[in-house]
Amino acid sequence: MAWVIDLDGVVRLGRRRITGAPEAIAALRAAGHRVVFATNNSNDTGAEVEAQLRSMGVPARGAVVTSAAAAAVLIEPGERVQVCGGPGVLEAVEARGATVVGPDDRADAVVVGFHRSFDYEAMTAAVRAVLDGARLVATNDDRTYPTPDGPAPGAGAILASVVAATDVAPVVAGKPHPPMATAIREHLATRYGASGDPTIVVGDRPDTDGALARALGVPFALVLSGITADEDLPGPDRPALVAPDLAAVVARLVPGQPVRARL
């Protein structure tokens, strides 16, 4: 099996690991399962995400697909891009071969992603570039993301301000939209060949992770360790599996592996 696992709310909350997640991932790998981490968080670079996971006891070298990388595919090499996002977006845009321009320069596209330094000046620069004809690209449109202190505003909240001021619909790259689904398939195919077809998605949001599972044509396992609580569970369109956390999912689906779980 090839597992597509969300990060925020499944493996970690902020910089804190979720209990049992590292052991669950180790159990998957010990059983011969393939793992790719798919995150809508675009603020950090790929190397930073890998380092954060490594510090939590989760080796992840070459196993992370970010919404920043998916968004960069929507940019053409040589284009002039204004980045309204964090280091992860900057890295991905530059790796694509585009030129990052300042707020007073002409831009072919504006890429919006989560970043904690967002302010009125950044919003104004993005809005003016879009009104001047730049394409509006978003890493993702998640309104919130889970933290140890509860939900915090996500990239979708930043994006909403630019959309409200321009009345321009963005092209969104992250989960559950097609660019991210394509990036995951290509990542698995490159790394594992034909045996890397995704077989399950584990996440904490039915609207992003669940919809991604449908886009990939695989079952969805919903965990309640992140943004979704028991009272939020969808009605008729329920996930294939609902569990307290990743450890419980692995314990249910990979018998015989020693995983701490609350079933």
C-alpha atoms as a PDB file:
ATOM      1  CA  MET A   1       0.000   0.000   0.000  1.00  0.00           C
ATOM      2  CA  ALA A   2       1.011   3.603  -0.579  1.00  0.00           C
ATOM      3  CA  TRP A   3      -0.206   5.880   2.196  1.00  0.00           C
ATOM      4  CA  VAL A   4      -0.790   9.594   1.579  1.00  0.00           C
ATOM      5  CA  ILE A   5      -0.613  11.175   5.040  1.00  0.00           C
ATOM      6  CA  ASP A   6      -1.439  14.748   5.990  1.00  0.00           C
ATOM      7  CA  LEU A   7       0.881  16.466   8.476  1.00  0.00           C
ATOM      8  CA  ASP A   8      -0.911  19.174  10.471  1.00  0.00           C
ATOM      9  CA  GLY A   9      -3.451  17.513  12.727  1.00  0.00           C
ATOM     10  CA  VAL A  10      -2.260  13.993  11.861  1.00  0.00           C
ATOM     11  CA  VAL A  11       1.481  13.830  12.558  1.00  0.00           C
ATOM     12  CA  ARG A  12       1.956  17.131  14.371  1.00  0.00           C
ATOM     13  CA  LEU A  13       0.262  20.144  15.921  1.00  0.00           C
ATOM     14  CA  GLY A  14       2.539  23.093  15.290  1.00  0.00           C
ATOM     15  CA  ARG A  15       6.014  21.958  16.342  1.00  0.00           C
ATOM     16  CA  ARG A  16       4.621  19.278  18.664  1.00  0.00           C
ATOM     17  CA  ARG A  17       4.279  15.701  17.481  1.00  0.00           C
ATOM     18  CA  ILE A  18       0.993  13.892  18.005  1.00  0.00           C
ATOM     19  CA  THR A  19       1.452  10.991  20.379  1.00  0.00           C
ATOM     20  CA  GLY A  20       1.846   7.669  18.591  1.00  0.00           C
ATOM     21  CA  ALA A  21       2.316   9.148  15.103  1.00  0.00           C
ATOM     22  CA  PRO A  22       6.083   8.431  14.756  1.00  0.00           C
ATOM     23  CA  GLU A  23       5.561   4.850  15.939  1.00  0.00           C
ATOM     24  CA  ALA A  24       2.664   4.386  13.529  1.00  0.00           C
ATOM     25  CA  ILE A  25       4.727   5.589  10.569  1.00  0.00           C
ATOM     26  CA  ALA A  26       7.620   3.338  11.599  1.00  0.00           C
ATOM     27  CA  ALA A  27       5.196   0.405  11.781  1.00  0.00           C
ATOM     28  CA  LEU A  28       3.922   1.144   8.282  1.00  0.00           C
ATOM     29  CA  ARG A  29       7.409   1.188   6.861  1.00  0.00           C
ATOM     30  CA  ALA A  30       8.398  -1.956   8.764  1.00  0.00           C
ATOM     31  CA  ALA A  31       5.435  -3.705   7.169  1.00  0.00           C
ATOM     32  CA  GLY A  32       6.613  -2.667   3.699  1.00  0.00           C
ATOM     33  CA  HIS A  33       4.123   0.139   3.119  1.00  0.00           C
ATOM     34  CA  ARG A  34       5.115   3.260   1.209  1.00  0.00           C
ATOM     35  CA  VAL A  35       4.520   6.667   2.786  1.00  0.00           C
ATOM     36  CA  VAL A  36       4.262  10.148   1.295  1.00  0.00           C
ATOM     37  CA  PHE A  37       3.445  13.209   3.359  1.00  0.00           C
ATOM     38  CA  ALA A  38       1.134  15.689   1.610  1.00  0.00           C
ATOM     39  CA  THR A  39       0.768  19.085   3.266  1.00  0.00           C
ATOM     40  CA  ASN A  40      -1.091  22.248   2.359  1.00  0.00           C
ATOM     41  CA  ASN A  41       1.243  24.230   4.598  1.00  0.00           C
ATOM     42  CA  SER A  42       3.435  26.180   2.176  1.00  0.00           C
ATOM     43  CA  ASN A  43       5.322  28.437   4.568  1.00  0.00           C
ATOM     44  CA  ASP A  44       8.350  26.194   5.168  1.00  0.00           C
ATOM     45  CA  THR A  45      10.799  24.874   2.599  1.00  0.00           C
ATOM     46  CA  GLY A  46      10.927  21.166   1.859  1.00  0.00           C
ATOM     47  CA  ALA A  47      14.172  20.796   3.808  1.00  0.00           C
ATOM     48  CA  GLU A  48      12.654  22.614   6.797  1.00  0.00           C
ATOM     49  CA  VAL A  49       9.632  20.303   6.813  1.00  0.00           C
ATOM     50  CA  GLU A  50      11.906  17.266   6.638  1.00  0.00           C
ATOM     51  CA  ALA A  51      14.011  18.612   9.510  1.00  0.00           C
ATOM     52  CA  GLN A  52      10.931  19.285  11.635  1.00  0.00           C
ATOM     53  CA  LEU A  53       9.669  15.739  11.077  1.00  0.00           C
ATOM     54  CA  ARG A  54      13.108  14.279  11.788  1.00  0.00           C
ATOM     55  CA  SER A  55      13.165  16.111  15.133  1.00  0.00           C
ATOM     56  CA  MET A  56       9.854  14.403  15.945  1.00  0.00           C
ATOM     57  CA  GLY A  57      11.236  10.967  15.168  1.00  0.00           C
ATOM     58  CA  VAL A  58       9.852  10.731  11.632  1.00  0.00           C
ATOM     59  CA  PRO A  59      12.446  10.304   8.841  1.00  0.00           C
ATOM     60  CA  ALA A  60      11.002  12.037   5.786  1.00  0.00           C
ATOM     61  CA  ARG A  61      13.837  12.716   3.365  1.00  0.00           C
ATOM     62  CA  GLY A  62      12.377  12.935  -0.143  1.00  0.00           C
ATOM     63  CA  ALA A  63       8.918  11.977   1.130  1.00  0.00           C
ATOM     64  CA  VAL A  64       7.170  15.358   1.389  1.00  0.00           C
ATOM     65  CA  VAL A  65       4.896  16.996  -1.195  1.00  0.00           C
ATOM     66  CA  THR A  66       3.917  20.584  -0.360  1.00  0.00           C
ATOM     67  CA  SER A  67       1.255  22.847  -1.814  1.00  0.00           C
ATOM     68  CA  ALA A  68       4.041  25.312  -2.649  1.00  0.00           C
ATOM     69  CA  ALA A  69       5.594  22.760  -4.997  1.00  0.00           C
ATOM     70  CA  ALA A  70       2.190  22.064  -6.550  1.00  0.00           C
ATOM     71  CA  ALA A  71       1.569  25.797  -7.039  1.00  0.00           C
ATOM     72  CA  ALA A  72       4.946  26.287  -8.725  1.00  0.00           C
ATOM     73  CA  VAL A  73       3.885  23.917 -11.496  1.00  0.00           C
ATOM     74  CA  LEU A  74       1.233  26.514 -12.414  1.00  0.00           C
ATOM     75  CA  ILE A  75       4.027  29.013 -13.113  1.00  0.00           C
ATOM     76  CA  GLU A  76       5.965  28.971 -16.369  1.00  0.00           C
ATOM     77  CA  PRO A  77       9.776  29.174 -16.319  1.00  0.00           C
ATOM     78  CA  GLY A  78      10.867  32.725 -16.977  1.00  0.00           C
ATOM     79  CA  GLU A  79       7.668  34.333 -15.716  1.00  0.00           C
ATOM     80  CA  ARG A  80       7.787  37.252 -13.314  1.00  0.00           C
ATOM     81  CA  VAL A  81       6.155  36.302 -10.022  1.00  0.00           C
ATOM     82  CA  GLN A  82       5.210  38.311  -6.975  1.00  0.00           C
ATOM     83  CA  VAL A  83       5.226  36.064  -3.907  1.00  0.00           C
ATOM     84  CA  CYS A  84       2.736  36.770  -1.137  1.00  0.00           C
ATOM     85  CA  GLY A  85       3.908  33.798   0.883  1.00  0.00           C
ATOM     86  CA  GLY A  86       6.701  32.297   2.946  1.00  0.00           C
ATOM     87  CA  PRO A  87      10.120  30.780   2.214  1.00  0.00           C
ATOM     88  CA  GLY A  88       8.553  27.578   0.888  1.00  0.00           C
ATOM     89  CA  VAL A  89       6.804  29.460  -1.902  1.00  0.00           C
ATOM     90  CA  LEU A  90       9.919  31.471  -2.721  1.00  0.00           C
ATOM     91  CA  GLU A  91      11.964  28.282  -2.976  1.00  0.00           C
ATOM     92  CA  ALA A  92       9.424  26.525  -5.182  1.00  0.00           C
ATOM     93  CA  VAL A  93       8.954  29.479  -7.542  1.00  0.00           C
ATOM     94  CA  GLU A  94      12.698  29.947  -7.976  1.00  0.00           C
ATOM     95  CA  ALA A  95      13.215  26.212  -8.496  1.00  0.00           C
ATOM     96  CA  ARG A  96      10.647  26.409 -11.281  1.00  0.00           C
ATOM     97  CA  GLY A  97      12.883  28.907 -13.075  1.00  0.00           C
ATOM     98  CA  ALA A  98      10.660  31.950 -12.563  1.00  0.00           C
ATOM     99  CA  THR A  99      11.849  35.377 -11.441  1.00  0.00           C
ATOM    100  CA  VAL A 100      10.615  36.703  -8.117  1.00  0.00           C
ATOM    101  CA  VAL A 101       9.822  40.429  -8.387  1.00  0.00           C
ATOM    102  CA  GLY A 102       9.142  43.152  -5.846  1.00  0.00           C
ATOM    103  CA  PRO A 103       5.868  44.902  -5.058  1.00  0.00           C
ATOM    104  CA  ASP A 104       6.531  47.770  -7.462  1.00  0.00           C
ATOM    105  CA  ASP A 105       7.498  45.561 -10.429  1.00  0.00           C
ATOM    106  CA  ARG A 106       5.287  44.157 -13.156  1.00  0.00           C
ATOM    107  CA  ALA A 107       4.224  40.586 -12.440  1.00  0.00           C
ATOM    108  CA  ASP A 108       2.803  37.828 -14.613  1.00  0.00           C
ATOM    109  CA  ALA A 109       1.432  36.008 -11.575  1.00  0.00           C
ATOM    110  CA  VAL A 110       0.900  36.454  -7.856  1.00  0.00           C
ATOM    111  CA  VAL A 111       1.278  33.375  -5.658  1.00  0.00           C
ATOM    112  CA  VAL A 112      -0.486  33.585  -2.302  1.00  0.00           C
ATOM    113  CA  GLY A 113       0.367  31.217   0.541  1.00  0.00           C
ATOM    114  CA  PHE A 114       0.416  31.129   4.314  1.00  0.00           C
ATOM    115  CA  HIS A 115       2.979  33.356   6.036  1.00  0.00           C
ATOM    116  CA  ARG A 116       2.965  34.988   9.443  1.00  0.00           C
ATOM    117  CA  SER A 117       4.387  38.285   8.189  1.00  0.00           C
ATOM    118  CA  PHE A 118       1.286  39.052   6.082  1.00  0.00           C
ATOM    119  CA  ASP A 119       0.136  42.646   6.558  1.00  0.00           C
ATOM    120  CA  TYR A 120      -1.761  45.454   4.834  1.00  0.00           C
ATOM    121  CA  GLU A 121       1.207  46.400   2.648  1.00  0.00           C
ATOM    122  CA  ALA A 122       1.570  42.811   1.389  1.00  0.00           C
ATOM    123  CA  MET A 123      -2.150  42.630   0.686  1.00  0.00           C
ATOM    124  CA  THR A 124      -2.040  45.951  -1.171  1.00  0.00           C
ATOM    125  CA  ALA A 125       0.893  44.843  -3.354  1.00  0.00           C
ATOM    126  CA  ALA A 126      -0.832  41.561  -4.256  1.00  0.00           C
ATOM    127  CA  VAL A 127      -4.133  43.287  -5.001  1.00  0.00           C
ATOM    128  CA  ARG A 128      -2.540  45.899  -7.257  1.00  0.00           C
ATOM    129  CA  ALA A 129      -0.594  43.283  -9.200  1.00  0.00           C
ATOM    130  CA  VAL A 130      -3.751  41.243  -9.805  1.00  0.00           C
ATOM    131  CA  LEU A 131      -5.738  44.335 -10.823  1.00  0.00           C
ATOM    132  CA  ASP A 132      -2.906  45.108 -13.271  1.00  0.00           C
ATOM    133  CA  GLY A 133      -3.459  41.721 -14.938  1.00  0.00           C
ATOM    134  CA  ALA A 134      -1.332  39.220 -13.001  1.00  0.00           C
ATOM    135  CA  ARG A 135      -2.796  35.725 -12.584  1.00  0.00           C
ATOM    136  CA  LEU A 136      -3.840  34.861  -9.038  1.00  0.00           C
ATOM    137  CA  VAL A 137      -2.451  31.518  -7.869  1.00  0.00           C
ATOM    138  CA  ALA A 138      -2.970  30.123  -4.368  1.00  0.00           C
ATOM    139  CA  THR A 139      -1.052  27.370  -2.652  1.00  0.00           C
ATOM    140  CA  ASN A 140      -4.279  26.363  -0.885  1.00  0.00           C
ATOM    141  CA  ASP A 141      -7.546  27.784   0.391  1.00  0.00           C
ATOM    142  CA  ASP A 142      -7.723  26.266   3.892  1.00  0.00           C
ATOM    143  CA  ARG A 143      -9.399  28.881   6.084  1.00  0.00           C
ATOM    144  CA  THR A 144      -7.789  27.498   9.249  1.00  0.00           C
ATOM    145  CA  TYR A 145      -5.165  24.992  10.351  1.00  0.00           C
ATOM    146  CA  PRO A 146      -4.838  23.115  13.668  1.00  0.00           C
ATOM    147  CA  THR A 147      -2.457  24.183  16.438  1.00  0.00           C
ATOM    148  CA  PRO A 148      -1.991  23.094  20.064  1.00  0.00           C
ATOM    149  CA  ASP A 149      -4.049  26.162  21.067  1.00  0.00           C
ATOM    150  CA  GLY A 150      -6.878  25.547  18.603  1.00  0.00           C
ATOM    151  CA  PRO A 151      -7.561  26.566  14.993  1.00  0.00           C
ATOM    152  CA  ALA A 152      -5.529  29.461  13.568  1.00  0.00           C
ATOM    153  CA  PRO A 153      -6.129  31.440  10.338  1.00  0.00           C
ATOM    154  CA  GLY A 154      -4.705  29.661   7.306  1.00  0.00           C
ATOM    155  CA  ALA A 155      -3.737  30.574   3.760  1.00  0.00           C
ATOM    156  CA  GLY A 156      -7.391  30.732   2.764  1.00  0.00           C
ATOM    157  CA  ALA A 157      -7.923  33.648   5.134  1.00  0.00           C
ATOM    158  CA  ILE A 158      -5.063  35.551   3.484  1.00  0.00           C
ATOM    159  CA  LEU A 159      -6.307  34.610   0.022  1.00  0.00           C
ATOM    160  CA  ALA A 160      -9.833  35.795   0.854  1.00  0.00           C
ATOM    161  CA  SER A 161      -8.613  39.355   1.363  1.00  0.00           C
ATOM    162  CA  VAL A 162      -7.038  39.465  -2.096  1.00  0.00           C
ATOM    163  CA  VAL A 163     -10.107  37.895  -3.710  1.00  0.00           C
ATOM    164  CA  ALA A 164     -12.429  40.338  -1.929  1.00  0.00           C
ATOM    165  CA  ALA A 165     -10.444  43.347  -3.172  1.00  0.00           C
ATOM    166  CA  THR A 166     -10.040  42.140  -6.771  1.00  0.00           C
ATOM    167  CA  ASP A 167     -13.103  39.966  -7.438  1.00  0.00           C
ATOM    168  CA  VAL A 168     -10.721  37.584  -9.239  1.00  0.00           C
ATOM    169  CA  ALA A 169     -11.109  33.831  -8.780  1.00  0.00           C
ATOM    170  CA  PRO A 170      -7.781  32.177  -7.932  1.00  0.00           C
ATOM    171  CA  VAL A 171      -6.335  28.977  -9.332  1.00  0.00           C
ATOM    172  CA  VAL A 172      -5.761  26.829  -6.249  1.00  0.00           C
ATOM    173  CA  ALA A 173      -3.005  24.217  -6.212  1.00  0.00           C
ATOM    174  CA  GLY A 174      -3.213  22.443  -2.848  1.00  0.00           C
ATOM    175  CA  LYS A 175      -5.442  19.680  -1.551  1.00  0.00           C
ATOM    176  CA  PRO A 176      -7.957  18.702  -2.852  1.00  0.00           C
ATOM    177  CA  HIS A 177      -7.370  20.431  -6.182  1.00  0.00           C
ATOM    178  CA  PRO A 178      -5.966  18.711  -9.294  1.00  0.00           C
ATOM    179  CA  PRO A 179      -2.392  20.145  -9.147  1.00  0.00           C
ATOM    180  CA  MET A 180      -1.800  18.537  -5.742  1.00  0.00           C
ATOM    181  CA  ALA A 181      -3.341  15.222  -6.796  1.00  0.00           C
ATOM    182  CA  THR A 182      -1.089  15.228  -9.855  1.00  0.00           C
ATOM    183  CA  ALA A 183       1.984  16.134  -7.780  1.00  0.00           C
ATOM    184  CA  ILE A 184       1.315  13.230  -5.394  1.00  0.00           C
ATOM    185  CA  ARG A 185       0.872  10.727  -8.209  1.00  0.00           C
ATOM    186  CA  GLU A 186       4.028  11.936  -9.947  1.00  0.00           C
ATOM    187  CA  HIS A 187       6.015  11.852  -6.704  1.00  0.00           C
ATOM    188  CA  LEU A 188       4.990   8.261  -5.957  1.00  0.00           C
ATOM    189  CA  ALA A 189       5.563   7.149  -9.559  1.00  0.00           C
ATOM    190  CA  THR A 190       9.027   8.696  -9.619  1.00  0.00           C
ATOM    191  CA  ARG A 191      10.008   7.182  -6.290  1.00  0.00           C
ATOM    192  CA  TYR A 192       8.335   3.779  -6.463  1.00  0.00           C
ATOM    193  CA  GLY A 193       7.314   3.168 -10.066  1.00  0.00           C
ATOM    194  CA  ALA A 194       4.118   1.292 -10.820  1.00  0.00           C
ATOM    195  CA  SER A 195       3.927   0.017  -7.225  1.00  0.00           C
ATOM    196  CA  GLY A 196       3.541   3.553  -5.921  1.00  0.00           C
ATOM    197  CA  ASP A 197      -0.096   4.126  -6.850  1.00  0.00           C
ATOM    198  CA  PRO A 198      -1.825   5.760  -3.851  1.00  0.00           C
ATOM    199  CA  THR A 199      -4.109   3.392  -1.948  1.00  0.00           C
ATOM    200  CA  ILE A 200      -5.316   5.437   1.067  1.00  0.00           C
ATOM    201  CA  VAL A 201      -5.382   9.027   2.314  1.00  0.00           C
ATOM    202  CA  VAL A 202      -5.197   9.824   6.042  1.00  0.00           C
ATOM    203  CA  GLY A 203      -6.138  13.321   7.145  1.00  0.00           C
ATOM    204  CA  ASP A 204      -8.064  15.459   9.605  1.00  0.00           C
ATOM    205  CA  ARG A 205     -10.265  17.417   7.168  1.00  0.00           C
ATOM    206  CA  PRO A 206     -13.080  15.893   5.092  1.00  0.00           C
ATOM    207  CA  ASP A 207     -13.184  18.996   2.865  1.00  0.00           C
ATOM    208  CA  THR A 208      -9.523  18.776   1.837  1.00  0.00           C
ATOM    209  CA  ASP A 209      -8.083  15.364   2.696  1.00  0.00           C
ATOM    210  CA  GLY A 210     -11.370  13.559   2.089  1.00  0.00           C
ATOM    211  CA  ALA A 211     -11.892  15.307  -1.230  1.00  0.00           C
ATOM    212  CA  LEU A 212      -8.289  14.507  -2.175  1.00  0.00           C
ATOM    213  CA  ALA A 213      -8.988  10.834  -1.530  1.00  0.00           C
ATOM    214  CA  ARG A 214     -11.978  11.026  -3.880  1.00  0.00           C
ATOM    215  CA  ALA A 215      -9.828  12.756  -6.510  1.00  0.00           C
ATOM    216  CA  LEU A 216      -7.245   9.975  -6.214  1.00  0.00           C
ATOM    217  CA  GLY A 217      -9.954   7.302  -6.205  1.00  0.00           C
ATOM    218  CA  VAL A 218      -8.872   5.787  -2.859  1.00  0.00           C
ATOM    219  CA  PRO A 219     -10.439   5.375   0.622  1.00  0.00           C
ATOM    220  CA  PHE A 220     -10.211   8.141   3.207  1.00  0.00           C
ATOM    221  CA  ALA A 221      -9.329   7.586   6.870  1.00  0.00           C
ATOM    222  CA  LEU A 222     -10.352  10.550   9.019  1.00  0.00           C
ATOM    223  CA  VAL A 223      -8.506  11.181  12.291  1.00  0.00           C
ATOM    224  CA  LEU A 224      -9.926  13.295  15.113  1.00  0.00           C
ATOM    225  CA  SER A 225      -6.553  14.573  16.346  1.00  0.00           C
ATOM    226  CA  GLY A 226      -6.680  17.793  14.315  1.00  0.00           C
ATOM    227  CA  ILE A 227      -9.363  20.170  13.057  1.00  0.00           C
ATOM    228  CA  THR A 228     -12.348  17.780  12.968  1.00  0.00           C
ATOM    229  CA  ALA A 229     -14.197  16.700  16.116  1.00  0.00           C
ATOM    230  CA  ASP A 230     -16.824  14.001  16.691  1.00  0.00           C
ATOM    231  CA  GLU A 231     -19.683  16.487  16.325  1.00  0.00           C
ATOM    232  CA  ASP A 232     -18.311  17.608  12.937  1.00  0.00           C
ATOM    233  CA  LEU A 233     -18.442  14.175  11.328  1.00  0.00           C
ATOM    234  CA  PRO A 234     -20.112  14.238   7.906  1.00  0.00           C
ATOM    235  CA  GLY A 235     -23.478  12.527   7.551  1.00  0.00           C
ATOM    236  CA  PRO A 236     -24.176  10.490   4.409  1.00  0.00           C
ATOM    237  CA  ASP A 237     -20.702  10.886   2.877  1.00  0.00           C
ATOM    238  CA  ARG A 238     -18.768   9.325   5.756  1.00  0.00           C
ATOM    239  CA  PRO A 239     -15.088   8.368   5.460  1.00  0.00           C
ATOM    240  CA  ALA A 240     -14.144   4.726   5.080  1.00  0.00           C
ATOM    241  CA  LEU A 241     -12.654   4.846   8.585  1.00  0.00           C
ATOM    242  CA  VAL A 242     -12.876   7.286  11.500  1.00  0.00           C
ATOM    243  CA  ALA A 243     -10.295   6.933  14.274  1.00  0.00           C
ATOM    244  CA  PRO A 244      -8.892   9.004  17.146  1.00  0.00           C
ATOM    245  CA  ASP A 245      -5.449   9.332  15.555  1.00  0.00           C
ATOM    246  CA  LEU A 246      -2.976   7.911  13.052  1.00  0.00           C
ATOM    247  CA  ALA A 247      -1.831   5.222  15.471  1.00  0.00           C
ATOM    248  CA  ALA A 248      -5.391   3.915  15.679  1.00  0.00           C
ATOM    249  CA  VAL A 249      -5.712   3.853  11.880  1.00  0.00           C
ATOM    250  CA  VAL A 250      -2.502   1.861  11.477  1.00  0.00           C
ATOM    251  CA  ALA A 251      -3.419  -0.520  14.281  1.00  0.00           C
ATOM    252  CA  ARG A 252      -6.737  -1.176  12.557  1.00  0.00           C
ATOM    253  CA  LEU A 253      -5.414  -1.614   9.024  1.00  0.00           C
ATOM    254  CA  VAL A 254      -1.981  -3.149   9.618  1.00  0.00           C
ATOM    255  CA  PRO A 255      -2.527  -6.012  12.083  1.00  0.00           C
ATOM    256  CA  GLY A 256       0.436  -7.404  13.951  1.00  0.00           C
ATOM    257  CA  GLN A 257       2.417  -4.163  14.100  1.00  0.00           C
ATOM    258  CA  PRO A 258       3.173  -2.882  17.632  1.00  0.00           C
ATOM    259  CA  VAL A 259       1.536   0.554  17.547  1.00  0.00           C
ATOM    260  CA  ARG A 260       0.281   2.521  20.501  1.00  0.00           C
ATOM    261  CA  ALA A 261      -3.353   3.254  19.738  1.00  0.00           C
ATOM    262  CA  ARG A 262      -6.674   4.137  21.318  1.00  0.00           C
ATOM    263  CA  LEU A 263      -9.292   2.031  19.575  1.00  0.00           C
END
